[in-house]
C-alpha atoms as a PDB file:
ATOM      1  CA  UNK A   1      71.832  23.616   2.503  1.00  0.00           C
ATOM      2  CA  UNK A   2      72.698  19.891   2.545  1.00  0.00           C
ATOM      3  CA  UNK A   3      74.688  18.616  -0.394  1.00  0.00           C
ATOM      4  CA  UNK A   4      75.712  15.225  -1.776  1.00  0.00           C
ATOM      5  CA  UNK A   5      79.012  15.329  -3.636  1.00  0.00           C
ATOM      6  CA  UNK A   6      78.665  19.108  -3.926  1.00  0.00           C
ATOM      7  CA  UNK A   7      75.156  18.845  -5.455  1.00  0.00           C
ATOM      8  CA  UNK A   8      72.207  20.163  -3.431  1.00  0.00           C
ATOM      9  CA  UNK A   9      69.723  17.517  -2.169  1.00  0.00           C
ATOM     10  CA  UNK A  10      66.708  19.422  -3.606  1.00  0.00           C
ATOM     11  CA  UNK A  11      68.296  19.381  -7.043  1.00  0.00           C
ATOM     12  CA  UNK A  12      68.837  15.639  -6.789  1.00  0.00           C
ATOM     13  CA  UNK A  13      65.215  15.040  -5.741  1.00  0.00           C
ATOM     14  CA  UNK A  14      63.931  17.220  -8.566  1.00  0.00           C
ATOM     15  CA  UNK A  15      66.092  15.378 -11.092  1.00  0.00           C
ATOM     16  CA  UNK A  16      64.950  11.966  -9.820  1.00  0.00           C
ATOM     17  CA  UNK A  17      61.319  13.017 -10.062  1.00  0.00           C
ATOM     18  CA  UNK A  18      61.754  14.305 -13.598  1.00  0.00           C
ATOM     19  CA  UNK A  19      63.514  11.078 -14.622  1.00  0.00           C
ATOM     20  CA  UNK A  20      60.746   8.892 -13.193  1.00  0.00           C
ATOM     21  CA  UNK A  21      58.093  11.001 -14.937  1.00  0.00           C
ATOM     22  CA  UNK A  22      59.845  10.736 -18.315  1.00  0.00           C
ATOM     23  CA  UNK A  23      60.312   6.990 -17.814  1.00  0.00           C
ATOM     24  CA  UNK A  24      56.617   6.420 -17.006  1.00  0.00           C
ATOM     25  CA  UNK A  25      55.524   8.497 -19.989  1.00  0.00           C
ATOM     26  CA  UNK A  26      57.858   6.567 -22.263  1.00  0.00           C
ATOM     27  CA  UNK A  27      56.540   3.233 -21.022  1.00  0.00           C
ATOM     28  CA  UNK A  28      52.974   4.432 -21.474  1.00  0.00           C
ATOM     29  CA  UNK A  29      53.472   5.472 -25.093  1.00  0.00           C
ATOM     30  CA  UNK A  30      56.006   2.890 -26.303  1.00  0.00           C
ATOM     31  CA  UNK A  31      55.634  -0.156 -24.124  1.00  0.00           C
ATOM     32  CA  UNK A  32      54.025  -3.358 -25.546  1.00  0.00           C
ATOM     33  CA  UNK A  33      53.140  -4.452 -29.025  1.00  0.00           C
ATOM     34  CA  UNK A  34      49.959  -3.630 -30.926  1.00  0.00           C
ATOM     35  CA  UNK A  35      48.539  -7.049 -30.098  1.00  0.00           C
ATOM     36  CA  UNK A  36      49.189  -6.580 -26.387  1.00  0.00           C
ATOM     37  CA  UNK A  37      47.691  -3.091 -26.536  1.00  0.00           C
ATOM     38  CA  UNK A  38      44.524  -4.403 -28.200  1.00  0.00           C
ATOM     39  CA  UNK A  39      44.264  -7.174 -25.632  1.00  0.00           C
ATOM     40  CA  UNK A  40      44.544  -4.685 -22.780  1.00  0.00           C
ATOM     41  CA  UNK A  41      42.037  -2.348 -24.375  1.00  0.00           C
ATOM     42  CA  UNK A  42      39.589  -5.232 -24.828  1.00  0.00           C
ATOM     43  CA  UNK A  43      40.045  -6.264 -21.187  1.00  0.00           C
ATOM     44  CA  UNK A  44      39.537  -2.699 -19.946  1.00  0.00           C
ATOM     45  CA  UNK A  45      36.474  -2.290 -22.167  1.00  0.00           C
ATOM     46  CA  UNK A  46      34.956  -5.545 -20.896  1.00  0.00           C
ATOM     47  CA  UNK A  47      35.595  -4.536 -17.293  1.00  0.00           C
ATOM     48  CA  UNK A  48      34.054  -1.134 -17.929  1.00  0.00           C
ATOM     49  CA  UNK A  49      31.006  -2.686 -19.552  1.00  0.00           C
ATOM     50  CA  UNK A  50      30.638  -5.046 -16.601  1.00  0.00           C
ATOM     51  CA  UNK A  51      30.997  -2.154 -14.186  1.00  0.00           C
ATOM     52  CA  UNK A  52      28.335  -0.151 -16.006  1.00  0.00           C
ATOM     53  CA  UNK A  53      25.946  -3.116 -15.905  1.00  0.00           C
ATOM     54  CA  UNK A  54      26.644  -3.604 -12.207  1.00  0.00           C
ATOM     55  CA  UNK A  55      26.114   0.097 -11.602  1.00  0.00           C
ATOM     56  CA  UNK A  56      22.836   0.047 -13.502  1.00  0.00           C
ATOM     57  CA  UNK A  57      21.673  -3.012 -11.542  1.00  0.00           C
ATOM     58  CA  UNK A  58      22.666  -1.371  -8.261  1.00  0.00           C
ATOM     59  CA  UNK A  59      20.866   1.780  -9.294  1.00  0.00           C
ATOM     60  CA  UNK A  60      17.718  -0.180 -10.188  1.00  0.00           C
ATOM     61  CA  UNK A  61      17.907  -2.055  -6.897  1.00  0.00           C
ATOM     62  CA  UNK A  62      18.361   1.232  -5.109  1.00  0.00           C
ATOM     63  CA  UNK A  63      15.320   2.633  -6.860  1.00  0.00           C
ATOM     64  CA  UNK A  64      13.297  -0.370  -5.795  1.00  0.00           C
ATOM     65  CA  UNK A  65      14.466  -0.331  -2.205  1.00  0.00           C
ATOM     66  CA  UNK A  66      14.655   3.419  -1.619  1.00  0.00           C
ATOM     67  CA  UNK A  67      11.203   4.258  -2.887  1.00  0.00           C
ATOM     68  CA  UNK A  68      10.316   7.852  -2.114  1.00  0.00           C
ATOM     69  CA  UNK A  69       6.855   8.202  -0.595  1.00  0.00           C
ATOM     70  CA  UNK A  70       6.883  11.984  -0.642  1.00  0.00           C
ATOM     71  CA  UNK A  71       8.624  14.747  -2.576  1.00  0.00           C
ATOM     72  CA  UNK A  72       9.346  16.415   0.782  1.00  0.00           C
ATOM     73  CA  UNK A  73      12.547  14.878   2.110  1.00  0.00           C
ATOM     74  CA  UNK A  74      11.684  15.443   5.773  1.00  0.00           C
ATOM     75  CA  UNK A  75       8.265  13.818   5.400  1.00  0.00           C
ATOM     76  CA  UNK A  76       9.782  10.899   3.471  1.00  0.00           C
ATOM     77  CA  UNK A  77      12.293  10.257   6.272  1.00  0.00           C
ATOM     78  CA  UNK A  78       9.487  10.546   8.826  1.00  0.00           C
ATOM     79  CA  UNK A  79       7.429   7.931   6.948  1.00  0.00           C
ATOM     80  CA  UNK A  80      10.337   5.494   6.741  1.00  0.00           C
ATOM     81  CA  UNK A  81      11.108   5.988  10.436  1.00  0.00           C
ATOM     82  CA  UNK A  82       7.614   5.877  11.956  1.00  0.00           C
ATOM     83  CA  UNK A  83       5.323   3.861   9.653  1.00  0.00           C
ATOM     84  CA  UNK A  84       5.752   0.215  10.755  1.00  0.00           C
ATOM     85  CA  UNK A  85       4.601  -1.522   7.547  1.00  0.00           C
ATOM     86  CA  UNK A  86       4.472   0.989   4.675  1.00  0.00           C
ATOM     87  CA  UNK A  87       3.835  -1.666   1.998  1.00  0.00           C
ATOM     88  CA  UNK A  88       0.674  -2.780   3.784  1.00  0.00           C
ATOM     89  CA  UNK A  89      -0.528   0.825   3.963  1.00  0.00           C
ATOM     90  CA  UNK A  90       0.178   1.253   0.235  1.00  0.00           C
ATOM     91  CA  UNK A  91      -1.939  -1.828  -0.519  1.00  0.00           C
ATOM     92  CA  UNK A  92      -4.808  -0.438   1.568  1.00  0.00           C
ATOM     93  CA  UNK A  93      -4.584   2.855  -0.326  1.00  0.00           C
ATOM     94  CA  UNK A  94      -4.494   1.021  -3.680  1.00  0.00           C
ATOM     95  CA  UNK A  95      -7.600  -0.901  -2.623  1.00  0.00           C
ATOM     96  CA  UNK A  96      -9.603   2.329  -2.868  1.00  0.00           C
ATOM     97  CA  UNK A  97      -8.902   2.546  -6.604  1.00  0.00           C
ATOM     98  CA  UNK A  98      -7.517   6.066  -6.253  1.00  0.00           C
ATOM     99  CA  UNK A  99      -3.935   7.250  -6.630  1.00  0.00           C
ATOM    100  CA  UNK A 100      -3.251   8.224  -3.026  1.00  0.00           C
ATOM    101  CA  UNK A 101       0.499   8.433  -2.292  1.00  0.00           C
ATOM    102  CA  UNK A 102       1.612   7.350   1.146  1.00  0.00           C
ATOM    103  CA  UNK A 103       3.136  10.777   1.753  1.00  0.00           C
ATOM    104  CA  UNK A 104      -0.190  12.527   1.190  1.00  0.00           C
ATOM    105  CA  UNK A 105      -1.926  10.021   3.467  1.00  0.00           C
ATOM    106  CA  UNK A 106       0.547  10.684   6.303  1.00  0.00           C
ATOM    107  CA  UNK A 107       0.232  14.436   5.722  1.00  0.00           C
ATOM    108  CA  UNK A 108      -3.563  14.145   6.058  1.00  0.00           C
ATOM    109  CA  UNK A 109      -3.075  12.227   9.319  1.00  0.00           C
ATOM    110  CA  UNK A 110      -0.900  15.025  10.687  1.00  0.00           C
ATOM    111  CA  UNK A 111      -3.327  17.707   9.485  1.00  0.00           C
ATOM    112  CA  UNK A 112      -6.355  15.999  11.047  1.00  0.00           C
ATOM    113  CA  UNK A 113      -4.457  15.534  14.316  1.00  0.00           C
ATOM    114  CA  UNK A 114      -3.443  19.220  14.343  1.00  0.00           C
ATOM    115  CA  UNK A 115      -7.016  20.383  13.681  1.00  0.00           C
ATOM    116  CA  UNK A 116      -8.372  18.073  16.395  1.00  0.00           C
ATOM    117  CA  UNK A 117      -5.766  19.306  18.888  1.00  0.00           C
ATOM    118  CA  UNK A 118      -6.586  22.947  18.104  1.00  0.00           C
ATOM    119  CA  UNK A 119     -10.333  22.324  18.495  1.00  0.00           C
ATOM    120  CA  UNK A 120      -9.969  20.418  21.769  1.00  0.00           C
ATOM    121  CA  UNK A 121      -7.320  22.652  23.307  1.00  0.00           C
ATOM    122  CA  UNK A 122      -8.243  26.145  22.099  1.00  0.00           C
ATOM    123  CA  UNK A 123     -12.007  25.881  21.580  1.00  0.00           C
ATOM    124  CA  UNK A 124     -13.133  23.389  24.234  1.00  0.00           C
ATOM    125  CA  UNK A 125     -10.152  24.228  26.528  1.00  0.00           C
ATOM    126  CA  UNK A 126      -9.698  20.692  27.801  1.00  0.00           C
ATOM    127  CA  UNK A 127      -6.898  19.967  30.310  1.00  0.00           C
ATOM    128  CA  UNK A 128      -3.394  19.553  28.891  1.00  0.00           C
ATOM    129  CA  UNK A 129      -2.929  15.751  28.531  1.00  0.00           C
ATOM    130  CA  UNK A 130      -6.386  15.051  27.103  1.00  0.00           C
ATOM    131  CA  UNK A 131      -6.294  17.118  23.855  1.00  0.00           C
ATOM    132  CA  UNK A 132      -3.008  15.589  22.713  1.00  0.00           C
ATOM    133  CA  UNK A 133      -4.196  12.016  23.363  1.00  0.00           C
ATOM    134  CA  UNK A 134      -7.522  12.553  21.625  1.00  0.00           C
ATOM    135  CA  UNK A 135      -5.811  14.380  18.742  1.00  0.00           C
ATOM    136  CA  UNK A 136      -3.517  11.400  18.102  1.00  0.00           C
ATOM    137  CA  UNK A 137      -6.495   9.021  18.187  1.00  0.00           C
ATOM    138  CA  UNK A 138      -8.524  11.203  15.817  1.00  0.00           C
ATOM    139  CA  UNK A 139      -5.542  11.846  13.512  1.00  0.00           C
ATOM    140  CA  UNK A 140      -4.866   8.137  13.115  1.00  0.00           C
ATOM    141  CA  UNK A 141      -8.459   6.909  13.225  1.00  0.00           C
ATOM    142  CA  UNK A 142     -10.378   9.221  10.900  1.00  0.00           C
ATOM    143  CA  UNK A 143      -8.177   8.730   7.773  1.00  0.00           C
ATOM    144  CA  UNK A 144      -7.894   5.005   8.531  1.00  0.00           C
ATOM    145  CA  UNK A 145     -11.671   4.569   8.736  1.00  0.00           C
ATOM    146  CA  UNK A 146     -12.193   6.730   5.635  1.00  0.00           C
ATOM    147  CA  UNK A 147      -9.761   4.654   3.573  1.00  0.00           C
ATOM    148  CA  UNK A 148     -11.329   1.447   4.884  1.00  0.00           C
ATOM    149  CA  UNK A 149     -14.847   2.582   3.934  1.00  0.00           C
ATOM    150  CA  UNK A 150     -13.684   3.615   0.450  1.00  0.00           C
ATOM    151  CA  UNK A 151     -11.930   0.278  -0.038  1.00  0.00           C
ATOM    152  CA  UNK A 152     -14.911  -1.742   1.216  1.00  0.00           C
ATOM    153  CA  UNK A 153     -17.269   0.083  -1.141  1.00  0.00           C
ATOM    154  CA  UNK A 154     -15.022  -0.649  -4.104  1.00  0.00           C
ATOM    155  CA  UNK A 155     -14.649  -4.308  -3.105  1.00  0.00           C
ATOM    156  CA  UNK A 156     -18.437  -4.603  -2.707  1.00  0.00           C
ATOM    157  CA  UNK A 157     -18.904  -3.236  -6.236  1.00  0.00           C
ATOM    158  CA  UNK A 158     -16.232  -5.659  -7.467  1.00  0.00           C
ATOM    159  CA  UNK A 159     -17.990  -8.644  -5.871  1.00  0.00           C
ATOM    160  CA  UNK A 160     -21.363  -7.572  -7.308  1.00  0.00           C
ATOM    161  CA  UNK A 161     -19.893  -7.610 -10.842  1.00  0.00           C
ATOM    162  CA  UNK A 162     -17.753 -10.713 -10.372  1.00  0.00           C
ATOM    163  CA  UNK A 163     -20.253 -13.513 -11.243  1.00  0.00           C
ATOM    164  CA  UNK A 164     -21.208 -11.742 -14.482  1.00  0.00           C
ATOM    165  CA  UNK A 165     -17.526 -11.402 -15.363  1.00  0.00           C
ATOM    166  CA  UNK A 166     -16.966 -15.117 -14.785  1.00  0.00           C
ATOM    167  CA  UNK A 167     -19.934 -15.878 -17.041  1.00  0.00           C
ATOM    168  CA  UNK A 168     -18.340 -13.708 -19.727  1.00  0.00           C
ATOM    169  CA  UNK A 169     -15.076 -15.666 -19.369  1.00  0.00           C
ATOM    170  CA  UNK A 170     -17.038 -18.933 -19.632  1.00  0.00           C
ATOM    171  CA  UNK A 171     -18.741 -17.798 -22.837  1.00  0.00           C
ATOM    172  CA  UNK A 172     -15.362 -16.825 -24.285  1.00  0.00           C
ATOM    173  CA  UNK A 173     -13.847 -20.200 -23.417  1.00  0.00           C
ATOM    174  CA  UNK A 174     -16.789 -22.090 -24.913  1.00  0.00           C
ATOM    175  CA  UNK A 175     -16.450 -20.088 -28.120  1.00  0.00           C
ATOM    176  CA  UNK A 176     -12.798 -21.124 -28.425  1.00  0.00           C
ATOM    177  CA  UNK A 177     -10.960 -18.100 -27.035  1.00  0.00           C
ATOM    178  CA  UNK A 178      -7.952 -18.602 -24.727  1.00  0.00           C
ATOM    179  CA  UNK A 179      -8.129 -17.522 -21.115  1.00  0.00           C
ATOM    180  CA  UNK A 180      -6.089 -14.338 -21.634  1.00  0.00           C
ATOM    181  CA  UNK A 181      -8.347 -13.185 -24.476  1.00  0.00           C
ATOM    182  CA  UNK A 182     -11.426 -13.894 -22.358  1.00  0.00           C
ATOM    183  CA  UNK A 183      -9.919 -11.774 -19.549  1.00  0.00           C
ATOM    184  CA  UNK A 184      -9.258  -8.962 -22.044  1.00  0.00           C
ATOM    185  CA  UNK A 185     -12.898  -9.196 -23.138  1.00  0.00           C
ATOM    186  CA  UNK A 186     -13.976  -8.745 -19.507  1.00  0.00           C
ATOM    187  CA  UNK A 187     -11.665  -5.716 -19.248  1.00  0.00           C
ATOM    188  CA  UNK A 188     -13.322  -4.169 -22.305  1.00  0.00           C
ATOM    189  CA  UNK A 189     -16.951  -4.966 -21.481  1.00  0.00           C
ATOM    190  CA  UNK A 190     -17.229  -4.611 -17.686  1.00  0.00           C
ATOM    191  CA  UNK A 191     -17.001  -1.142 -16.086  1.00  0.00           C
ATOM    192  CA  UNK A 192     -14.866  -0.086 -13.131  1.00  0.00           C
ATOM    193  CA  UNK A 193     -13.788  -1.459 -10.678  1.00  0.00           C
ATOM    194  CA  UNK A 194     -13.725  -5.002 -12.090  1.00  0.00           C
ATOM    195  CA  UNK A 195     -12.887  -3.903 -15.614  1.00  0.00           C
ATOM    196  CA  UNK A 196      -9.964  -1.814 -14.371  1.00  0.00           C
ATOM    197  CA  UNK A 197      -8.468  -4.684 -12.375  1.00  0.00           C
ATOM    198  CA  UNK A 198      -8.819  -7.160 -15.254  1.00  0.00           C
ATOM    199  CA  UNK A 199      -7.268  -4.583 -17.577  1.00  0.00           C
ATOM    200  CA  UNK A 200      -4.244  -4.516 -15.284  1.00  0.00           C
ATOM    201  CA  UNK A 201      -4.062  -8.314 -15.511  1.00  0.00           C
ATOM    202  CA  UNK A 202      -4.130  -8.178 -19.318  1.00  0.00           C
ATOM    203  CA  UNK A 203      -1.460  -5.455 -19.421  1.00  0.00           C
ATOM    204  CA  UNK A 204       0.790  -7.427 -17.047  1.00  0.00           C
ATOM    205  CA  UNK A 205       0.469 -10.581 -19.179  1.00  0.00           C
ATOM    206  CA  UNK A 206       1.310  -8.628 -22.350  1.00  0.00           C
ATOM    207  CA  UNK A 207       4.432  -7.283 -20.622  1.00  0.00           C
ATOM    208  CA  UNK A 208       5.633 -10.823 -19.925  1.00  0.00           C
ATOM    209  CA  UNK A 209       4.292 -11.565 -16.460  1.00  0.00           C
ATOM    210  CA  UNK A 210       2.660 -14.934 -15.909  1.00  0.00           C
ATOM    211  CA  UNK A 211      -1.118 -15.089 -15.580  1.00  0.00           C
ATOM    212  CA  UNK A 212      -0.930 -16.506 -12.047  1.00  0.00           C
ATOM    213  CA  UNK A 213       1.389 -13.731 -10.846  1.00  0.00           C
ATOM    214  CA  UNK A 214      -0.804 -11.029 -12.407  1.00  0.00           C
ATOM    215  CA  UNK A 215      -3.938 -12.481 -10.809  1.00  0.00           C
ATOM    216  CA  UNK A 216      -2.294 -12.765  -7.391  1.00  0.00           C
ATOM    217  CA  UNK A 217      -1.219  -9.111  -7.623  1.00  0.00           C
ATOM    218  CA  UNK A 218      -4.887  -8.183  -8.008  1.00  0.00           C
ATOM    219  CA  UNK A 219      -5.830 -10.578  -5.190  1.00  0.00           C
ATOM    220  CA  UNK A 220      -3.428  -8.829  -2.793  1.00  0.00           C
ATOM    221  CA  UNK A 221      -4.911  -5.465  -3.725  1.00  0.00           C
ATOM    222  CA  UNK A 222      -8.586  -6.508  -3.668  1.00  0.00           C
ATOM    223  CA  UNK A 223      -8.199  -8.924  -0.723  1.00  0.00           C
ATOM    224  CA  UNK A 224     -11.465 -10.797  -1.140  1.00  0.00           C
ATOM    225  CA  UNK A 225     -12.024 -14.592  -1.034  1.00  0.00           C
ATOM    226  CA  UNK A 226     -14.230 -14.579  -4.140  1.00  0.00           C
ATOM    227  CA  UNK A 227     -11.336 -13.582  -6.380  1.00  0.00           C
ATOM    228  CA  UNK A 228      -9.008 -16.085  -4.716  1.00  0.00           C
ATOM    229  CA  UNK A 229     -11.584 -18.786  -5.543  1.00  0.00           C
ATOM    230  CA  UNK A 230     -11.109 -17.954  -9.243  1.00  0.00           C
ATOM    231  CA  UNK A 231      -7.307 -18.162  -9.046  1.00  0.00           C
ATOM    232  CA  UNK A 232      -7.354 -21.459  -7.145  1.00  0.00           C
ATOM    233  CA  UNK A 233      -9.919 -22.982  -9.513  1.00  0.00           C
ATOM    234  CA  UNK A 234      -7.804 -22.040 -12.542  1.00  0.00           C
ATOM    235  CA  UNK A 235      -4.640 -23.382 -10.886  1.00  0.00           C
ATOM    236  CA  UNK A 236      -6.288 -26.717  -9.996  1.00  0.00           C
ATOM    237  CA  UNK A 237      -7.702 -27.095 -13.500  1.00  0.00           C
ATOM    238  CA  UNK A 238      -4.286 -26.425 -15.048  1.00  0.00           C
ATOM    239  CA  UNK A 239      -2.650 -29.083 -12.856  1.00  0.00           C
ATOM    240  CA  UNK A 240      -5.327 -31.782 -13.036  1.00  0.00           C
ATOM    241  CA  UNK A 241      -6.930 -31.033 -16.392  1.00  0.00           C
ATOM    242  CA  UNK A 242     -10.610 -30.925 -17.180  1.00  0.00           C
ATOM    243  CA  UNK A 243     -13.121 -28.484 -18.610  1.00  0.00           C
ATOM    244  CA  UNK A 244     -12.213 -24.990 -17.375  1.00  0.00           C
ATOM    245  CA  UNK A 245     -15.452 -23.483 -18.700  1.00  0.00           C
ATOM    246  CA  UNK A 246     -17.543 -25.912 -16.656  1.00  0.00           C
ATOM    247  CA  UNK A 247     -15.415 -25.298 -13.541  1.00  0.00           C
ATOM    248  CA  UNK A 248     -15.826 -21.533 -13.820  1.00  0.00           C
ATOM    249  CA  UNK A 249     -19.562 -21.885 -14.475  1.00  0.00           C
ATOM    250  CA  UNK A 250     -19.916 -23.844 -11.234  1.00  0.00           C
ATOM    251  CA  UNK A 251     -17.861 -21.189  -9.452  1.00  0.00           C
ATOM    252  CA  UNK A 252     -20.124 -18.437 -10.785  1.00  0.00           C
ATOM    253  CA  UNK A 253     -23.206 -20.297  -9.519  1.00  0.00           C
ATOM    254  CA  UNK A 254     -21.545 -20.817  -6.121  1.00  0.00           C
ATOM    255  CA  UNK A 255     -20.680 -17.128  -5.798  1.00  0.00           C
ATOM    256  CA  UNK A 256     -24.251 -16.093  -6.628  1.00  0.00           C
ATOM    257  CA  UNK A 257     -25.642 -18.445  -3.975  1.00  0.00           C
ATOM    258  CA  UNK A 258     -23.083 -17.140  -1.487  1.00  0.00           C
ATOM    259  CA  UNK A 259     -24.113 -13.563  -2.195  1.00  0.00           C
ATOM    260  CA  UNK A 260     -27.795 -14.459  -1.798  1.00  0.00           C
ATOM    261  CA  UNK A 261     -27.058 -16.034   1.581  1.00  0.00           C
ATOM    262  CA  UNK A 262     -25.199 -12.924   2.713  1.00  0.00           C
ATOM    263  CA  UNK A 263     -28.119 -10.710   1.720  1.00  0.00           C
ATOM    264  CA  UNK A 264     -30.513 -13.017   3.579  1.00  0.00           C
ATOM    265  CA  UNK A 265     -28.393 -12.846   6.728  1.00  0.00           C
ATOM    266  CA  UNK A 266     -28.224  -9.063   6.407  1.00  0.00           C
ATOM    267  CA  UNK A 267     -31.997  -8.855   6.126  1.00  0.00           C
ATOM    268  CA  UNK A 268     -32.530 -11.101   9.156  1.00  0.00           C
ATOM    269  CA  UNK A 269     -30.062  -9.110  11.262  1.00  0.00           C
ATOM    270  CA  UNK A 270     -31.363  -5.671  10.225  1.00  0.00           C
ATOM    271  CA  UNK A 271     -33.506  -5.350  13.368  1.00  0.00           C
ATOM    272  CA  UNK A 272     -30.553  -6.077  15.652  1.00  0.00           C
ATOM    273  CA  UNK A 273     -28.375  -3.607  13.767  1.00  0.00           C
ATOM    274  CA  UNK A 274     -31.030  -0.886  14.010  1.00  0.00           C
ATOM    275  CA  UNK A 275     -31.288  -1.504  17.768  1.00  0.00           C
ATOM    276  CA  UNK A 276     -27.498  -1.248  18.061  1.00  0.00           C
ATOM    277  CA  UNK A 277     -27.478   2.089  16.233  1.00  0.00           C
ATOM    278  CA  UNK A 278     -30.240   3.503  18.437  1.00  0.00           C
ATOM    279  CA  UNK A 279     -28.783   2.285  21.729  1.00  0.00           C
ATOM    280  CA  UNK A 280     -25.289   3.440  20.757  1.00  0.00           C
ATOM    281  CA  UNK A 281     -26.402   6.935  19.749  1.00  0.00           C
ATOM    282  CA  UNK A 282     -28.691   7.621  22.737  1.00  0.00           C
ATOM    283  CA  UNK A 283     -25.912   8.597  25.229  1.00  0.00           C
ATOM    284  CA  UNK A 284     -24.422  11.094  22.791  1.00  0.00           C
ATOM    285  CA  UNK A 285     -27.829  12.566  21.924  1.00  0.00           C
ATOM    286  CA  UNK A 286     -28.719  12.969  25.586  1.00  0.00           C
ATOM    287  CA  UNK A 287     -25.347  14.528  26.415  1.00  0.00           C
ATOM    288  CA  UNK A 288     -25.785  16.971  23.519  1.00  0.00           C
ATOM    289  CA  UNK A 289     -29.254  17.915  24.748  1.00  0.00           C
ATOM    290  CA  UNK A 290     -27.972  18.435  28.317  1.00  0.00           C
ATOM    291  CA  UNK A 291     -25.106  20.559  27.004  1.00  0.00           C
ATOM    292  CA  UNK A 292     -27.570  22.811  25.200  1.00  0.00           C
ATOM    293  CA  UNK A 293     -30.028  23.078  28.102  1.00  0.00           C
ATOM    294  CA  UNK A 294     -27.570  23.280  31.030  1.00  0.00           C
ATOM    295  CA  UNK A 295     -23.997  23.940  29.855  1.00  0.00           C
ATOM    296  CA  UNK A 296     -22.680  24.328  33.424  1.00  0.00           C
ATOM    297  CA  UNK A 297     -23.939  20.870  34.382  1.00  0.00           C
ATOM    298  CA  UNK A 298     -22.340  19.214  31.344  1.00  0.00           C
ATOM    299  CA  UNK A 299     -19.072  21.111  31.810  1.00  0.00           C
ATOM    300  CA  UNK A 300     -18.269  18.969  34.878  1.00  0.00           C
ATOM    301  CA  UNK A 301     -17.254  16.129  32.530  1.00  0.00           C
ATOM    302  CA  UNK A 302     -14.527  18.360  31.086  1.00  0.00           C
ATOM    303  CA  UNK A 303     -13.437  20.484  34.032  1.00  0.00           C
ATOM    304  CA  UNK A 304     -13.606  18.118  37.013  1.00  0.00           C
ATOM    305  CA  UNK A 305     -11.040  15.253  37.032  1.00  0.00           C
ATOM    306  CA  UNK A 306     -13.695  12.900  38.380  1.00  0.00           C
ATOM    307  CA  UNK A 307     -15.978  13.797  35.491  1.00  0.00           C
ATOM    308  CA  UNK A 308     -13.168  13.149  33.021  1.00  0.00           C
ATOM    309  CA  UNK A 309     -12.570   9.695  34.522  1.00  0.00           C
ATOM    310  CA  UNK A 310     -16.284   8.903  34.426  1.00  0.00           C
ATOM    311  CA  UNK A 311     -16.548  10.115  30.832  1.00  0.00           C
ATOM    312  CA  UNK A 312     -13.572   7.979  29.762  1.00  0.00           C
ATOM    313  CA  UNK A 313     -15.055   4.893  31.461  1.00  0.00           C
ATOM    314  CA  UNK A 314     -18.455   5.539  29.868  1.00  0.00           C
ATOM    315  CA  UNK A 315     -16.909   5.918  26.405  1.00  0.00           C
ATOM    316  CA  UNK A 316     -14.958   2.699  26.882  1.00  0.00           C
ATOM    317  CA  UNK A 317     -18.080   0.781  27.922  1.00  0.00           C
ATOM    318  CA  UNK A 318     -20.084   2.177  24.974  1.00  0.00           C
ATOM    319  CA  UNK A 319     -17.298   1.199  22.577  1.00  0.00           C
ATOM    320  CA  UNK A 320     -17.093  -2.311  24.041  1.00  0.00           C
ATOM    321  CA  UNK A 321     -20.863  -2.762  23.741  1.00  0.00           C
ATOM    322  CA  UNK A 322     -20.850  -1.525  20.147  1.00  0.00           C
ATOM    323  CA  UNK A 323     -18.080  -3.954  19.226  1.00  0.00           C
ATOM    324  CA  UNK A 324     -19.924  -6.878  20.842  1.00  0.00           C
ATOM    325  CA  UNK A 325     -23.174  -6.053  19.042  1.00  0.00           C
ATOM    326  CA  UNK A 326     -21.334  -5.607  15.727  1.00  0.00           C
ATOM    327  CA  UNK A 327     -19.699  -9.024  16.199  1.00  0.00           C
ATOM    328  CA  UNK A 328     -23.062 -10.633  16.969  1.00  0.00           C
ATOM    329  CA  UNK A 329     -24.684  -9.468  13.720  1.00  0.00           C
ATOM    330  CA  UNK A 330     -21.687 -10.229  11.456  1.00  0.00           C
ATOM    331  CA  UNK A 331     -21.466 -13.715   9.968  1.00  0.00           C
ATOM    332  CA  UNK A 332     -18.781 -15.193   7.726  1.00  0.00           C
ATOM    333  CA  UNK A 333     -20.211 -17.259   4.897  1.00  0.00           C
END
């Protein structure tokens, strides 16, 4: 064993380590005055408090950015990877007035696609590429159309109640109530969906949010020009001054006339819409009748590649015609 001056090297290393340990402990317990110790403790405490605040802020930011759309981790990662604009989808789901999480919506898409694939592949026994393509279209289209119909119905009910709600705000303003109290009165008196949305505005204002920000949150969710008219009218009146009650009364009258014009256009275009429904449904009714009377004749569209091509072209032409007719009878007022 190597030695230094007759003393083993390991013994020297052990002694040096013990000496350094005792020295550090002595400095830790005896070094510095009480004033210096208090100053250091105050500095460490301030740094710790700052670190905790920074950690809390980072955690809050993480909660805002890493919002979980599903309790299933795999589905949540799939949503974040495949859904191109999840915030837009959340707004469309909120437009329905129902609490539909994005994870459940994506799960319904997958379920509908799986059921469509099973029906087309196992029941109808279509060739291999066709069931998968149609299943993807059905899985994405059916929930999308359902959510759109639910949202449009709620927005239509909102618009039908909106002029009466503005009149209620006008009466509150003329009686001396502030705007926020008039909005709270609308939330109490008017039923869903308008009462629910105005209740959210009142709750947001009570929590410290500005009235403009609360109204624009509802405007993004409802996505209708009538409500944006109200926000813009209130903003212009606040900047230029004037009688807000009179401005809102004029807006209420304008919205009623606009609604009457829409109903008139709908009545005048009812004949064209009925013709579009009849013409669009005739090919499917005739194909269903042929399938019942002569199944072998109708099976050519599914079994023969030429029939599949003809069927795809026919469906494309029917869809194009339906879109053109729908555009012709829809007017923006």
